[in-house]
């Protein structure tokens, strides 16, 4: 069991993609909407909260990524045909410099 989850809410198009790669069994009903949950470890959670400072997790330790990041995550899920993809996805989503000023060298 994961420490945290990223919920990807599914519209008809996203649902067809998920079903098309054989992950129909991963679709769950969350707050009356169809979604898939991607497990996130504590270490990955820390990296996500650094990259997305506004990312808030609810009482069930689940959150929703911003649209562009969610699309990237969905693309990785579809290409790998698995929801256990955060180790790969974090490489594309994690920005260690998010929220920090860039320092420049003056001569």
C-alpha atoms as a PDB file:
ATOM      1  CA  UNK A   1       0.000   0.000   0.000  1.00  0.00           C
ATOM      2  CA  UNK A   2       1.288   3.443  -0.947  1.00  0.00           C
ATOM      3  CA  UNK A   3       1.768   6.354   1.399  1.00  0.00           C
ATOM      4  CA  UNK A   4       0.088   8.807  -0.998  1.00  0.00           C
ATOM      5  CA  UNK A   5      -1.862   8.800  -4.265  1.00  0.00           C
ATOM      6  CA  UNK A   6      -2.244  10.992  -7.303  1.00  0.00           C
ATOM      7  CA  UNK A   7      -5.793  10.876  -8.633  1.00  0.00           C
ATOM      8  CA  UNK A   8      -6.343  11.273 -12.351  1.00  0.00           C
ATOM      9  CA  UNK A   9      -9.971  12.121 -13.032  1.00  0.00           C
ATOM     10  CA  UNK A  10     -11.166  10.525 -16.242  1.00  0.00           C
ATOM     11  CA  UNK A  11     -13.336  12.054 -18.917  1.00  0.00           C
ATOM     12  CA  UNK A  12     -14.615   9.808 -21.740  1.00  0.00           C
ATOM     13  CA  UNK A  13     -11.455  10.224 -23.839  1.00  0.00           C
ATOM     14  CA  UNK A  14      -9.064   9.431 -20.978  1.00  0.00           C
ATOM     15  CA  UNK A  15     -11.201   6.498 -19.887  1.00  0.00           C
ATOM     16  CA  UNK A  16     -11.063   5.007 -23.398  1.00  0.00           C
ATOM     17  CA  UNK A  17      -7.247   5.316 -23.371  1.00  0.00           C
ATOM     18  CA  UNK A  18      -7.022   3.565 -19.999  1.00  0.00           C
ATOM     19  CA  UNK A  19      -9.405   0.807 -21.066  1.00  0.00           C
ATOM     20  CA  UNK A  20      -7.559   0.492 -24.382  1.00  0.00           C
ATOM     21  CA  UNK A  21      -4.322  -0.505 -22.653  1.00  0.00           C
ATOM     22  CA  UNK A  22      -6.023  -3.056 -20.408  1.00  0.00           C
ATOM     23  CA  UNK A  23      -6.248  -1.002 -17.211  1.00  0.00           C
ATOM     24  CA  UNK A  24     -10.049  -0.923 -16.904  1.00  0.00           C
ATOM     25  CA  UNK A  25      -9.710  -2.743 -13.577  1.00  0.00           C
ATOM     26  CA  UNK A  26      -7.784   0.242 -12.153  1.00  0.00           C
ATOM     27  CA  UNK A  27     -10.703   2.654 -12.658  1.00  0.00           C
ATOM     28  CA  UNK A  28     -12.363   3.625  -9.378  1.00  0.00           C
ATOM     29  CA  UNK A  29     -15.250   5.799  -8.329  1.00  0.00           C
ATOM     30  CA  UNK A  30     -13.882   8.756  -6.314  1.00  0.00           C
ATOM     31  CA  UNK A  31     -16.335  11.391  -5.078  1.00  0.00           C
ATOM     32  CA  UNK A  32     -18.783  10.396  -7.787  1.00  0.00           C
ATOM     33  CA  UNK A  33     -16.224  10.655 -10.607  1.00  0.00           C
ATOM     34  CA  UNK A  34     -14.282   7.991 -12.431  1.00  0.00           C
ATOM     35  CA  UNK A  35     -10.558   8.115 -11.734  1.00  0.00           C
ATOM     36  CA  UNK A  36      -7.404   6.078 -11.470  1.00  0.00           C
ATOM     37  CA  UNK A  37      -5.031   6.298  -8.520  1.00  0.00           C
ATOM     38  CA  UNK A  38      -1.277   6.306  -8.959  1.00  0.00           C
ATOM     39  CA  UNK A  39       0.645   5.196  -5.854  1.00  0.00           C
ATOM     40  CA  UNK A  40       3.261   7.667  -4.592  1.00  0.00           C
ATOM     41  CA  UNK A  41       5.973   6.901  -2.032  1.00  0.00           C
ATOM     42  CA  UNK A  42       6.917   9.343   0.734  1.00  0.00           C
ATOM     43  CA  UNK A  43      10.138  10.278  -1.094  1.00  0.00           C
ATOM     44  CA  UNK A  44       8.246  10.941  -4.357  1.00  0.00           C
ATOM     45  CA  UNK A  45       5.650  12.922  -2.378  1.00  0.00           C
ATOM     46  CA  UNK A  46       8.409  15.174  -1.058  1.00  0.00           C
ATOM     47  CA  UNK A  47       9.708  15.795  -4.587  1.00  0.00           C
ATOM     48  CA  UNK A  48       6.200  16.509  -5.896  1.00  0.00           C
ATOM     49  CA  UNK A  49       5.482  19.039  -3.149  1.00  0.00           C
ATOM     50  CA  UNK A  50       8.777  20.794  -3.961  1.00  0.00           C
ATOM     51  CA  UNK A  51       7.921  20.923  -7.670  1.00  0.00           C
ATOM     52  CA  UNK A  52       4.294  21.910  -7.098  1.00  0.00           C
ATOM     53  CA  UNK A  53       4.118  24.078  -3.935  1.00  0.00           C
ATOM     54  CA  UNK A  54       0.329  24.476  -4.300  1.00  0.00           C
ATOM     55  CA  UNK A  55      -0.221  20.707  -4.361  1.00  0.00           C
ATOM     56  CA  UNK A  56      -2.554  19.807  -1.500  1.00  0.00           C
ATOM     57  CA  UNK A  57      -3.307  16.307  -0.275  1.00  0.00           C
ATOM     58  CA  UNK A  58      -6.726  15.479   1.199  1.00  0.00           C
ATOM     59  CA  UNK A  59      -7.575  13.335   4.224  1.00  0.00           C
ATOM     60  CA  UNK A  60      -7.069  10.154   2.186  1.00  0.00           C
ATOM     61  CA  UNK A  61      -3.555  11.349   1.189  1.00  0.00           C
ATOM     62  CA  UNK A  62      -4.616  11.893  -2.420  1.00  0.00           C
ATOM     63  CA  UNK A  63      -4.099  14.879  -4.688  1.00  0.00           C
ATOM     64  CA  UNK A  64      -4.602  16.029  -8.264  1.00  0.00           C
ATOM     65  CA  UNK A  65      -1.701  17.354 -10.317  1.00  0.00           C
ATOM     66  CA  UNK A  66      -1.916  20.494 -12.482  1.00  0.00           C
ATOM     67  CA  UNK A  67      -3.244  19.789 -15.987  1.00  0.00           C
ATOM     68  CA  UNK A  68       0.083  19.645 -17.870  1.00  0.00           C
ATOM     69  CA  UNK A  69       1.702  17.362 -15.282  1.00  0.00           C
ATOM     70  CA  UNK A  70      -1.410  15.185 -15.168  1.00  0.00           C
ATOM     71  CA  UNK A  71      -1.286  14.757 -18.951  1.00  0.00           C
ATOM     72  CA  UNK A  72       2.391  13.773 -18.761  1.00  0.00           C
ATOM     73  CA  UNK A  73       1.585  11.212 -16.064  1.00  0.00           C
ATOM     74  CA  UNK A  74      -1.350   9.840 -18.071  1.00  0.00           C
ATOM     75  CA  UNK A  75       0.858   9.491 -21.171  1.00  0.00           C
ATOM     76  CA  UNK A  76       3.409   7.507 -19.159  1.00  0.00           C
ATOM     77  CA  UNK A  77       0.658   5.258 -17.756  1.00  0.00           C
ATOM     78  CA  UNK A  78      -0.697   4.567 -21.238  1.00  0.00           C
ATOM     79  CA  UNK A  79       2.745   3.867 -22.727  1.00  0.00           C
ATOM     80  CA  UNK A  80       3.822   1.539 -19.884  1.00  0.00           C
ATOM     81  CA  UNK A  81       0.352   0.003 -19.383  1.00  0.00           C
ATOM     82  CA  UNK A  82       0.742   0.306 -15.609  1.00  0.00           C
ATOM     83  CA  UNK A  83      -0.213   2.711 -12.814  1.00  0.00           C
ATOM     84  CA  UNK A  84       2.988   1.965 -10.900  1.00  0.00           C
ATOM     85  CA  UNK A  85       4.945   4.617 -12.792  1.00  0.00           C
ATOM     86  CA  UNK A  86       5.946   7.326 -10.313  1.00  0.00           C
ATOM     87  CA  UNK A  87       9.623   6.336 -10.337  1.00  0.00           C
ATOM     88  CA  UNK A  88       9.672   7.075 -14.077  1.00  0.00           C
ATOM     89  CA  UNK A  89       7.227   9.984 -13.994  1.00  0.00           C
ATOM     90  CA  UNK A  90       9.073  11.822 -11.247  1.00  0.00           C
ATOM     91  CA  UNK A  91      12.025  12.222 -13.615  1.00  0.00           C
ATOM     92  CA  UNK A  92       9.813  14.258 -15.942  1.00  0.00           C
ATOM     93  CA  UNK A  93       7.745  16.028 -13.265  1.00  0.00           C
ATOM     94  CA  UNK A  94      10.330  16.915 -10.612  1.00  0.00           C
ATOM     95  CA  UNK A  95      11.893  20.342 -10.871  1.00  0.00           C
ATOM     96  CA  UNK A  96      14.409  20.780  -8.051  1.00  0.00           C
ATOM     97  CA  UNK A  97      14.656  24.524  -8.742  1.00  0.00           C
ATOM     98  CA  UNK A  98      10.916  25.219  -8.469  1.00  0.00           C
ATOM     99  CA  UNK A  99      10.247  28.263  -6.331  1.00  0.00           C
ATOM    100  CA  UNK A 100      13.918  29.215  -5.990  1.00  0.00           C
ATOM    101  CA  UNK A 101      15.584  32.288  -7.397  1.00  0.00           C
ATOM    102  CA  UNK A 102      18.377  31.616  -9.805  1.00  0.00           C
ATOM    103  CA  UNK A 103      21.674  32.957  -8.594  1.00  0.00           C
ATOM    104  CA  UNK A 104      23.946  34.620 -11.062  1.00  0.00           C
ATOM    105  CA  UNK A 105      27.633  35.219 -10.752  1.00  0.00           C
ATOM    106  CA  UNK A 106      28.747  38.802 -11.025  1.00  0.00           C
ATOM    107  CA  UNK A 107      32.223  39.663 -12.125  1.00  0.00           C
END
